[in-house]
Every structure is written in structure tokens, then in C-alpha cells.
Amino acid sequence: MVIPHQCYWPNSNRGLGANDAERQNYYQALVMKDEDNEVTAQLGRATQQNAAFGSSQFAGQIEHMLGREVTIKPRGRPKRNRDNN
């Protein structure tokens, strides 16, 4: 059974609107809102590297669930230690 989230219920204190038109207008305004360029860049990097996007606590939870690292890694190969060559 699918039950709509509380924010879609009419007369809800935290709802998106009292009717379909109000909810659609509110949601469209939310989606069309300009995002911070840095947040957009962080989201892009996380998406490209298949990494978690969120707090370090969130990333830790995801790593535990998946059993693999989900943090963003620096580009390129690791720097060589000249002493060990």
C-alpha cells in the first residue's frame, strides 16, 4: 500500500499546500531555486566518484552498510615516496 507523505496531506501544518495547484507551485519553486555553486560542485564530484554526499557521519554509515569506502578521493596516482625507491 502506498501512502502519501504527510507534506502532501491537505490541511497539514507542514504541508506543501492545500490543493494540487499549491503543492505543484511550491515544489516547482523549490526545484527551480538557485543552488550554491560550491554545493553543486561537491555534488558533481560525489556523483562522478560514486561517493556519498553528506556529512562524515552519513558517509560512515553508508561505508558500514556497503562494506566499502564512499568518500571522495584526490585525483591521480598517489605520490611516490622517494626514500623507498
N, C-alpha and C. Protein backbone atom coordinates (compact mmCIF):
# COMPACT_ATOMS: atom_id res chain seq x y z
N MET A 1 0.85 -1.18 0.00
CA MET A 1 0.00 0.00 0.00
C MET A 1 0.90 1.24 0.00
N VAL A 2 0.59 2.17 -0.85
CA VAL A 2 1.32 3.43 -0.93
C VAL A 2 0.52 4.50 -0.21
N ILE A 3 1.18 5.16 0.73
CA ILE A 3 0.53 6.23 1.49
C ILE A 3 1.30 7.52 1.23
N PRO A 4 0.64 8.57 0.78
CA PRO A 4 1.34 9.83 0.54
C PRO A 4 1.99 10.37 1.81
N HIS A 5 3.14 11.01 1.63
CA HIS A 5 3.83 11.62 2.76
C HIS A 5 2.96 12.71 3.35
N GLN A 6 3.17 12.97 4.63
CA GLN A 6 2.36 13.95 5.36
C GLN A 6 2.37 15.32 4.69
N CYS A 7 3.49 15.69 4.05
CA CYS A 7 3.55 17.03 3.45
C CYS A 7 2.56 17.19 2.30
N TYR A 8 2.01 16.08 1.78
CA TYR A 8 1.03 16.17 0.70
C TYR A 8 -0.41 16.19 1.21
N TRP A 9 -0.61 15.99 2.50
CA TRP A 9 -1.96 15.95 3.04
C TRP A 9 -2.54 17.35 3.10
N PRO A 10 -3.78 17.53 2.65
CA PRO A 10 -4.42 18.84 2.81
C PRO A 10 -4.54 19.17 4.30
N ASN A 11 -4.47 20.43 4.60
CA ASN A 11 -4.60 20.95 5.96
C ASN A 11 -3.49 20.48 6.89
N SER A 12 -2.40 20.03 6.34
CA SER A 12 -1.26 19.63 7.16
C SER A 12 -0.50 20.89 7.57
N ASN A 13 -0.04 20.93 8.81
CA ASN A 13 0.69 22.11 9.29
C ASN A 13 1.95 22.37 8.48
N ARG A 14 2.64 21.31 8.03
CA ARG A 14 3.89 21.47 7.30
C ARG A 14 3.73 21.08 5.85
N GLY A 15 2.50 21.09 5.36
CA GLY A 15 2.23 20.65 4.00
C GLY A 15 2.75 21.62 2.95
N LEU A 16 2.82 21.13 1.74
CA LEU A 16 3.27 21.96 0.62
C LEU A 16 2.16 22.87 0.12
N GLY A 17 0.94 22.57 0.43
CA GLY A 17 -0.18 23.40 0.01
C GLY A 17 -1.49 22.70 0.28
N ALA A 18 -2.56 23.45 0.17
CA ALA A 18 -3.89 22.92 0.49
C ALA A 18 -4.49 22.13 -0.66
N ASN A 19 -3.97 22.33 -1.89
CA ASN A 19 -4.51 21.60 -3.04
C ASN A 19 -3.38 21.29 -4.02
N ASP A 20 -3.71 20.55 -5.07
CA ASP A 20 -2.69 20.13 -6.03
C ASP A 20 -1.95 21.31 -6.65
N ALA A 21 -2.67 22.35 -7.02
CA ALA A 21 -2.04 23.51 -7.67
C ALA A 21 -1.04 24.18 -6.73
N GLU A 22 -1.40 24.38 -5.46
CA GLU A 22 -0.49 24.99 -4.50
C GLU A 22 0.75 24.12 -4.28
N ARG A 23 0.54 22.80 -4.17
CA ARG A 23 1.67 21.89 -3.97
C ARG A 23 2.60 21.90 -5.17
N GLN A 24 2.03 21.91 -6.38
CA GLN A 24 2.85 21.94 -7.59
C GLN A 24 3.64 23.23 -7.68
N ASN A 25 3.02 24.35 -7.38
CA ASN A 25 3.71 25.64 -7.41
C ASN A 25 4.85 25.69 -6.38
N TYR A 26 4.57 25.21 -5.18
CA TYR A 26 5.60 25.20 -4.13
C TYR A 26 6.77 24.32 -4.54
N TYR A 27 6.47 23.12 -5.03
CA TYR A 27 7.52 22.19 -5.42
C TYR A 27 8.33 22.74 -6.59
N GLN A 28 7.68 23.34 -7.56
CA GLN A 28 8.39 23.92 -8.70
C GLN A 28 9.33 25.03 -8.23
N ALA A 29 8.88 25.87 -7.33
CA ALA A 29 9.73 26.94 -6.80
C ALA A 29 10.93 26.36 -6.05
N LEU A 30 10.70 25.28 -5.32
CA LEU A 30 11.78 24.63 -4.58
C LEU A 30 12.83 24.06 -5.53
N VAL A 31 12.39 23.39 -6.57
CA VAL A 31 13.30 22.76 -7.53
C VAL A 31 14.04 23.80 -8.37
N MET A 32 13.38 24.89 -8.72
CA MET A 32 13.97 25.90 -9.60
C MET A 32 14.88 26.87 -8.86
N LYS A 33 14.91 26.80 -7.54
CA LYS A 33 15.72 27.71 -6.73
C LYS A 33 17.19 27.53 -7.07
N ASP A 34 17.93 28.64 -7.16
CA ASP A 34 19.37 28.58 -7.42
C ASP A 34 20.08 27.95 -6.24
N GLU A 35 21.00 27.06 -6.55
CA GLU A 35 21.80 26.41 -5.51
C GLU A 35 23.15 27.10 -5.41
N ASP A 36 23.77 26.94 -4.29
CA ASP A 36 25.12 27.44 -4.06
C ASP A 36 26.07 26.71 -5.02
N ASN A 37 26.92 27.46 -5.72
CA ASN A 37 27.83 26.86 -6.69
C ASN A 37 28.75 25.82 -6.06
N GLU A 38 29.20 26.06 -4.83
CA GLU A 38 30.08 25.10 -4.16
C GLU A 38 29.35 23.80 -3.86
N VAL A 39 28.11 23.89 -3.43
CA VAL A 39 27.32 22.69 -3.17
C VAL A 39 27.11 21.92 -4.46
N THR A 40 26.83 22.62 -5.55
CA THR A 40 26.64 21.98 -6.84
C THR A 40 27.93 21.27 -7.27
N ALA A 41 29.08 21.91 -7.07
CA ALA A 41 30.36 21.29 -7.43
C ALA A 41 30.64 20.07 -6.57
N GLN A 42 30.36 20.14 -5.28
CA GLN A 42 30.55 19.00 -4.39
C GLN A 42 29.66 17.83 -4.80
N LEU A 43 28.43 18.12 -5.14
CA LEU A 43 27.51 17.08 -5.57
C LEU A 43 28.00 16.44 -6.86
N GLY A 44 28.50 17.26 -7.78
CA GLY A 44 29.04 16.73 -9.03
C GLY A 44 30.23 15.80 -8.80
N ARG A 45 31.16 16.20 -7.92
CA ARG A 45 32.32 15.35 -7.62
C ARG A 45 31.88 14.04 -6.97
N ALA A 46 30.95 14.12 -6.05
CA ALA A 46 30.47 12.91 -5.39
C ALA A 46 29.80 11.98 -6.39
N THR A 47 29.03 12.54 -7.30
CA THR A 47 28.35 11.73 -8.31
C THR A 47 29.36 11.07 -9.24
N GLN A 48 30.35 11.81 -9.70
CA GLN A 48 31.36 11.26 -10.61
C GLN A 48 32.16 10.13 -9.97
N GLN A 49 32.38 10.21 -8.66
CA GLN A 49 33.20 9.21 -7.98
C GLN A 49 32.37 8.17 -7.24
N ASN A 50 31.06 8.19 -7.46
CA ASN A 50 30.17 7.24 -6.80
C ASN A 50 30.36 7.30 -5.28
N ALA A 51 30.44 8.51 -4.76
CA ALA A 51 30.70 8.74 -3.34
C ALA A 51 29.43 9.24 -2.66
N ALA A 52 29.40 9.12 -1.35
CA ALA A 52 28.27 9.63 -0.57
C ALA A 52 28.34 11.16 -0.53
N PHE A 53 27.20 11.80 -0.56
CA PHE A 53 27.12 13.25 -0.47
C PHE A 53 26.40 13.58 0.82
N GLY A 54 27.14 14.09 1.79
CA GLY A 54 26.54 14.42 3.07
C GLY A 54 27.62 14.56 4.12
N SER A 55 27.22 14.49 5.35
CA SER A 55 28.16 14.67 6.46
C SER A 55 29.09 13.46 6.57
N SER A 56 30.16 13.62 7.35
CA SER A 56 31.08 12.50 7.55
C SER A 56 30.37 11.37 8.31
N GLN A 57 29.44 11.71 9.19
CA GLN A 57 28.67 10.69 9.89
C GLN A 57 27.83 9.88 8.89
N PHE A 58 27.19 10.57 7.96
CA PHE A 58 26.40 9.90 6.94
C PHE A 58 27.29 8.99 6.09
N ALA A 59 28.45 9.50 5.67
CA ALA A 59 29.38 8.70 4.86
C ALA A 59 29.81 7.45 5.63
N GLY A 60 30.07 7.60 6.92
CA GLY A 60 30.45 6.46 7.75
C GLY A 60 29.36 5.40 7.80
N GLN A 61 28.12 5.84 7.92
CA GLN A 61 27.00 4.90 7.94
C GLN A 61 26.89 4.15 6.62
N ILE A 62 27.06 4.87 5.51
CA ILE A 62 26.98 4.25 4.19
C ILE A 62 28.13 3.29 4.00
N GLU A 63 29.35 3.68 4.41
CA GLU A 63 30.51 2.78 4.31
C GLU A 63 30.26 1.50 5.09
N HIS A 64 29.69 1.62 6.27
CA HIS A 64 29.41 0.44 7.09
C HIS A 64 28.38 -0.46 6.40
N MET A 65 27.35 0.14 5.83
CA MET A 65 26.31 -0.63 5.15
C MET A 65 26.84 -1.34 3.91
N LEU A 66 27.67 -0.64 3.13
CA LEU A 66 28.14 -1.19 1.86
C LEU A 66 29.41 -2.01 1.99
N GLY A 67 30.15 -1.79 3.07
CA GLY A 67 31.42 -2.50 3.25
C GLY A 67 32.50 -2.01 2.31
N ARG A 68 32.43 -0.74 1.91
CA ARG A 68 33.46 -0.14 1.06
C ARG A 68 33.52 1.36 1.33
N GLU A 69 34.63 1.96 0.91
CA GLU A 69 34.77 3.40 1.10
C GLU A 69 33.86 4.16 0.14
N VAL A 70 33.30 5.24 0.63
CA VAL A 70 32.41 6.06 -0.20
C VAL A 70 32.78 7.53 -0.11
N THR A 71 34.05 7.82 0.19
CA THR A 71 34.50 9.21 0.29
C THR A 71 35.20 9.61 -1.00
N ILE A 72 35.25 10.91 -1.25
CA ILE A 72 35.89 11.44 -2.45
C ILE A 72 37.40 11.33 -2.30
N LYS A 73 38.04 10.80 -3.32
CA LYS A 73 39.49 10.63 -3.33
C LYS A 73 40.13 11.72 -4.19
N PRO A 74 41.38 12.11 -3.86
CA PRO A 74 42.07 13.09 -4.72
C PRO A 74 42.36 12.48 -6.09
N ARG A 75 42.46 13.32 -7.10
CA ARG A 75 42.72 12.86 -8.46
C ARG A 75 44.14 12.34 -8.60
N GLY A 76 44.31 11.42 -9.52
CA GLY A 76 45.64 10.94 -9.89
C GLY A 76 46.15 9.83 -9.01
N ARG A 77 47.36 9.41 -9.34
CA ARG A 77 48.02 8.35 -8.57
C ARG A 77 48.57 8.91 -7.28
N PRO A 78 48.72 8.06 -6.27
CA PRO A 78 49.33 8.53 -5.02
C PRO A 78 50.77 8.97 -5.27
N LYS A 79 51.22 9.97 -4.55
CA LYS A 79 52.60 10.45 -4.69
C LYS A 79 53.56 9.39 -4.20
N ARG A 80 54.65 9.24 -4.93
CA ARG A 80 55.68 8.25 -4.59
C ARG A 80 56.54 8.79 -3.48
N ASN A 81 56.92 7.92 -2.58
CA ASN A 81 57.85 8.28 -1.52
C ASN A 81 59.25 8.01 -2.06
N ARG A 82 60.06 9.04 -2.27
CA ARG A 82 61.38 8.89 -2.89
C ARG A 82 62.35 8.09 -2.03
N ASP A 83 62.12 8.00 -0.74
CA ASP A 83 63.02 7.26 0.15
C ASP A 83 62.91 5.76 -0.03
N ASN A 84 61.76 5.27 -0.53
CA ASN A 84 61.53 3.83 -0.63
C ASN A 84 61.80 3.30 -2.02
N ASN A 85 62.52 3.98 -2.88
CA ASN A 85 62.76 3.50 -4.26
C ASN A 85 64.04 2.78 -4.33
